[in-house]
C-alpha cells in the first residue's frame, strides 16, 4: 500500500437527510478517524481559543454570557439576520478551521474522513485528496425528514430546496454515493470504496 493512499484525506458531504451521519458512523465503527467541521468550529469558539479571541474582538463583549463564554444563540441571531455580519464571522472562522484541519492532516498515518456540510458551496473540495457526495432522491429525503427529524413535508421540502442543488454538487464531486436503499446496501458501497482507496 502506497504512503499516499495510506494517508488519503477524504471529505464527506451531502444534502440534509442524505445519510451522511450513517456513513460517518459506519466509518467510525470500522476504526477510521472521522472529523467534523461543525465540532471543530465549536471548539475554536471556546474560551481561550483563537476563534473566541477574534470573535470577541470583532463583535464585542455583548455576545458573551455571564460565564464570559460565547453565547451561541446571541451570535446566531446576529449573524443570520445580517449577511455582512455572517461574512465577518465566516472570515474569522473559515481560515481557522482550515488551519486546524491541516494540523490534523499533517499527523495522519491512515485514511481519514472529514464531514464538511458546505464543502461545495465553499469550494473546499480542493483541500482534499478526494470527496464523497452522499445523495438520495427527493422522495427519500422527505420521508427521512418526516421519520427522523419530526418535520412536516412542506418544511422538509423548503429546507431541501433552499440548499445548493444536488445536480450542482454532482458536477463538483469526485465520488457520488446513491443512498436510496437500505443501510446494508449503503455499507456495501462504502466497503467497496474503502477497498479501492486503500489498494488502488
Protein backbone atom coordinates (compact mmCIF):
# COMPACT_ATOMS: atom_id res chain seq x y z
CA UNK A 1 0.00 0.00 0.00
CA UNK A 2 1.49 3.35 -1.01
CA UNK A 3 2.14 6.06 1.58
CA UNK A 4 -0.10 8.44 -0.37
CA UNK A 5 -3.06 6.08 -0.25
CA UNK A 6 -2.50 5.21 3.39
CA UNK A 7 -2.82 8.88 4.28
CA UNK A 8 -5.72 9.79 1.99
CA UNK A 9 -7.71 12.78 3.25
CA UNK A 10 -11.35 12.42 2.23
CA UNK A 11 -14.20 14.91 2.63
CA UNK A 12 -17.80 13.74 3.04
CA UNK A 13 -20.77 15.93 2.22
CA UNK A 14 -24.37 15.70 1.10
CA UNK A 15 -27.79 17.25 1.40
CA UNK A 16 -29.90 17.15 4.55
CA UNK A 17 -31.18 13.59 5.23
CA UNK A 18 -28.97 12.09 2.52
CA UNK A 19 -27.31 9.71 5.00
CA UNK A 20 -24.04 11.44 5.91
CA UNK A 21 -24.44 10.52 9.57
CA UNK A 22 -24.92 6.83 8.72
CA UNK A 23 -21.79 6.83 6.56
CA UNK A 24 -19.71 8.57 9.23
CA UNK A 25 -20.97 6.27 12.00
CA UNK A 26 -20.09 3.23 9.87
CA UNK A 27 -16.59 4.55 9.17
CA UNK A 28 -16.07 5.14 12.90
CA UNK A 29 -17.18 1.60 13.70
CA UNK A 30 -14.62 0.33 11.20
CA UNK A 31 -11.91 2.23 13.05
CA UNK A 32 -11.23 5.11 10.69
CA UNK A 33 -10.52 8.59 12.08
CA UNK A 34 -13.53 10.83 11.44
CA UNK A 35 -13.60 14.59 11.99
CA UNK A 36 -16.46 17.08 11.92
CA UNK A 37 -16.11 20.70 10.78
CA UNK A 38 -19.05 21.79 12.94
CA UNK A 39 -17.38 20.30 16.04
CA UNK A 40 -14.06 21.94 15.13
CA UNK A 41 -15.86 25.27 14.69
CA UNK A 42 -17.45 24.91 18.14
CA UNK A 43 -14.15 24.00 19.80
CA UNK A 44 -12.41 27.03 18.25
CA UNK A 45 -15.05 29.27 19.85
CA UNK A 46 -14.37 28.02 23.38
CA UNK A 47 -12.90 30.47 25.88
CA UNK A 48 -9.16 30.87 25.36
CA UNK A 49 -9.17 29.57 21.79
CA UNK A 50 -8.11 31.73 18.85
CA UNK A 51 -11.62 31.85 17.41
CA UNK A 52 -13.03 33.06 20.73
CA UNK A 53 -10.50 35.88 20.96
CA UNK A 54 -11.09 37.07 17.40
CA UNK A 55 -14.89 36.88 17.63
CA UNK A 56 -14.95 38.93 20.84
CA UNK A 57 -12.55 41.44 19.29
CA UNK A 58 -14.81 41.88 16.23
CA UNK A 59 -18.31 41.54 17.74
CA UNK A 60 -17.72 42.84 21.26
CA UNK A 61 -18.46 41.55 24.74
CA UNK A 62 -22.22 41.80 24.16
CA UNK A 63 -22.19 38.30 22.65
CA UNK A 64 -20.83 36.75 25.88
CA UNK A 65 -22.86 35.17 28.68
CA UNK A 66 -22.33 35.58 32.43
CA UNK A 67 -19.54 32.98 32.36
CA UNK A 68 -17.76 35.07 29.67
CA UNK A 69 -18.34 32.31 27.13
CA UNK A 70 -19.70 33.00 23.65
CA UNK A 71 -23.49 32.84 23.75
CA UNK A 72 -24.15 30.79 20.61
CA UNK A 73 -27.79 31.90 20.40
CA UNK A 74 -26.88 35.60 20.56
CA UNK A 75 -24.19 35.12 17.94
CA UNK A 76 -26.55 33.15 15.68
CA UNK A 77 -29.27 35.82 15.89
CA UNK A 78 -26.70 38.47 15.00
CA UNK A 79 -25.11 36.75 12.01
CA UNK A 80 -28.18 35.09 10.49
CA UNK A 81 -30.14 38.34 10.44
CA UNK A 82 -27.35 40.25 8.72
CA UNK A 83 -25.46 38.96 5.68
CA UNK A 84 -22.48 41.26 6.28
CA UNK A 85 -22.12 40.08 9.88
CA UNK A 86 -22.28 36.47 8.75
CA UNK A 87 -19.48 37.13 6.27
CA UNK A 88 -17.40 38.72 9.04
CA UNK A 89 -17.85 35.62 11.20
CA UNK A 90 -17.02 33.29 8.29
CA UNK A 91 -13.95 35.41 7.56
CA UNK A 92 -12.76 34.69 11.09
CA UNK A 93 -13.71 31.04 11.40
CA UNK A 94 -13.10 29.50 7.97
CA UNK A 95 -9.32 30.14 7.92
CA UNK A 96 -9.05 28.82 11.49
CA UNK A 97 -10.99 25.65 10.64
CA UNK A 98 -8.77 25.04 7.61
CA UNK A 99 -5.68 25.61 9.75
CA UNK A 100 -6.94 23.08 12.33
CA UNK A 101 -7.71 20.56 9.58
CA UNK A 102 -4.24 20.99 8.08
CA UNK A 103 -2.73 20.31 11.52
CA UNK A 104 -4.76 17.11 11.82
CA UNK A 105 -3.83 16.04 8.32
CA UNK A 106 -0.10 16.53 8.89
CA UNK A 107 -0.13 13.94 11.70
CA UNK A 108 -2.19 11.28 9.89
CA UNK A 109 -0.94 7.74 9.50
CA UNK A 110 -4.02 6.33 7.79
CA UNK A 111 -7.02 7.25 5.66
CA UNK A 112 -9.18 9.80 7.46
CA UNK A 113 -12.55 11.42 6.78
CA UNK A 114 -13.93 14.90 7.42
CA UNK A 115 -17.60 15.85 7.40
CA UNK A 116 -17.86 19.19 5.60
CA UNK A 117 -21.55 20.21 5.28
CA UNK A 118 -20.86 23.15 2.91
CA UNK A 119 -17.98 21.53 1.04
CA UNK A 120 -19.04 22.53 -2.47
CA UNK A 121 -20.63 25.86 -1.50
CA UNK A 122 -17.28 26.95 -0.04
CA UNK A 123 -15.15 25.34 -2.75
CA UNK A 124 -13.23 23.38 -0.09
CA UNK A 125 -13.05 20.19 -2.15
CA UNK A 126 -9.68 21.45 -3.42
CA UNK A 127 -8.20 20.92 0.06
CA UNK A 128 -8.86 17.15 0.00
CA UNK A 129 -7.44 14.17 -1.88
CA UNK A 130 -10.97 13.00 -2.63
CA UNK A 131 -14.58 13.84 -1.76
CA UNK A 132 -17.62 11.65 -1.35
CA UNK A 133 -21.04 13.16 -2.03
CA UNK A 134 -23.94 11.26 -0.41
CA UNK A 135 -27.18 11.75 -2.34
CA UNK A 136 -30.75 10.46 -2.34
CA UNK A 137 -33.82 11.26 -4.38
CA UNK A 138 -36.18 13.96 -3.12
CA UNK A 139 -38.92 11.49 -2.14
CA UNK A 140 -36.47 9.59 0.07
CA UNK A 141 -35.09 12.80 1.60
CA UNK A 142 -38.59 13.98 2.54
CA UNK A 143 -39.50 10.57 4.02
CA UNK A 144 -36.38 10.62 6.20
CA UNK A 145 -37.10 14.18 7.36
CA UNK A 146 -40.62 13.15 8.38
CA UNK A 147 -39.41 9.99 10.10
CA UNK A 148 -36.23 11.09 11.85
CA UNK A 149 -36.45 14.89 12.15
CA UNK A 150 -40.13 15.33 13.04
CA UNK A 151 -40.59 17.80 10.19
CA UNK A 152 -43.69 18.11 8.07
CA UNK A 153 -43.50 17.67 4.30
CA UNK A 154 -43.73 21.39 3.49
CA UNK A 155 -40.93 22.31 5.90
CA UNK A 156 -38.75 19.43 4.69
CA UNK A 157 -39.15 20.43 1.03
CA UNK A 158 -38.39 24.07 1.84
CA UNK A 159 -35.17 23.13 3.66
CA UNK A 160 -34.05 20.73 0.92
CA UNK A 161 -34.77 23.17 -1.90
CA UNK A 162 -33.03 26.03 -0.09
CA UNK A 163 -29.73 24.12 -0.26
CA UNK A 164 -27.34 24.06 -3.21
CA UNK A 165 -28.92 21.73 -5.78
CA UNK A 166 -27.83 18.11 -5.91
CA UNK A 167 -27.13 18.47 -9.65
CA UNK A 168 -24.71 21.32 -8.99
CA UNK A 169 -22.98 19.32 -6.25
CA UNK A 170 -22.70 16.29 -8.53
CA UNK A 171 -20.84 18.39 -11.10
CA UNK A 172 -18.17 19.14 -8.48
CA UNK A 173 -17.98 15.77 -6.72
CA UNK A 174 -15.31 13.13 -7.38
CA UNK A 175 -17.33 10.25 -5.92
CA UNK A 176 -21.14 10.10 -5.80
CA UNK A 177 -22.82 7.61 -3.46
CA UNK A 178 -26.52 6.99 -4.14
CA UNK A 179 -28.34 6.20 -0.89
CA UNK A 180 -31.90 5.33 -1.88
CA UNK A 181 -31.98 1.81 -0.43
CA UNK A 182 -31.36 0.22 2.97
CA UNK A 183 -28.31 0.58 5.21
CA UNK A 184 -26.80 -2.75 4.13
CA UNK A 185 -26.72 -1.54 0.54
CA UNK A 186 -25.08 1.71 1.67
CA UNK A 187 -22.47 -0.17 3.72
CA UNK A 188 -21.57 -2.39 0.76
CA UNK A 189 -20.91 0.71 -1.34
CA UNK A 190 -18.71 2.17 1.41
CA UNK A 191 -16.77 -1.09 1.77
CA UNK A 192 -16.13 -1.14 -1.98
CA UNK A 193 -14.87 2.46 -1.91
CA UNK A 194 -12.63 1.75 1.08
CA UNK A 195 -11.06 -1.22 -0.64
CA UNK A 196 -10.35 0.89 -3.73
CA UNK A 197 -8.99 3.78 -1.64
CA UNK A 198 -6.58 1.51 0.20
CA UNK A 199 -5.34 -0.78 -2.55
CA UNK A 200 -5.51 1.06 -5.90
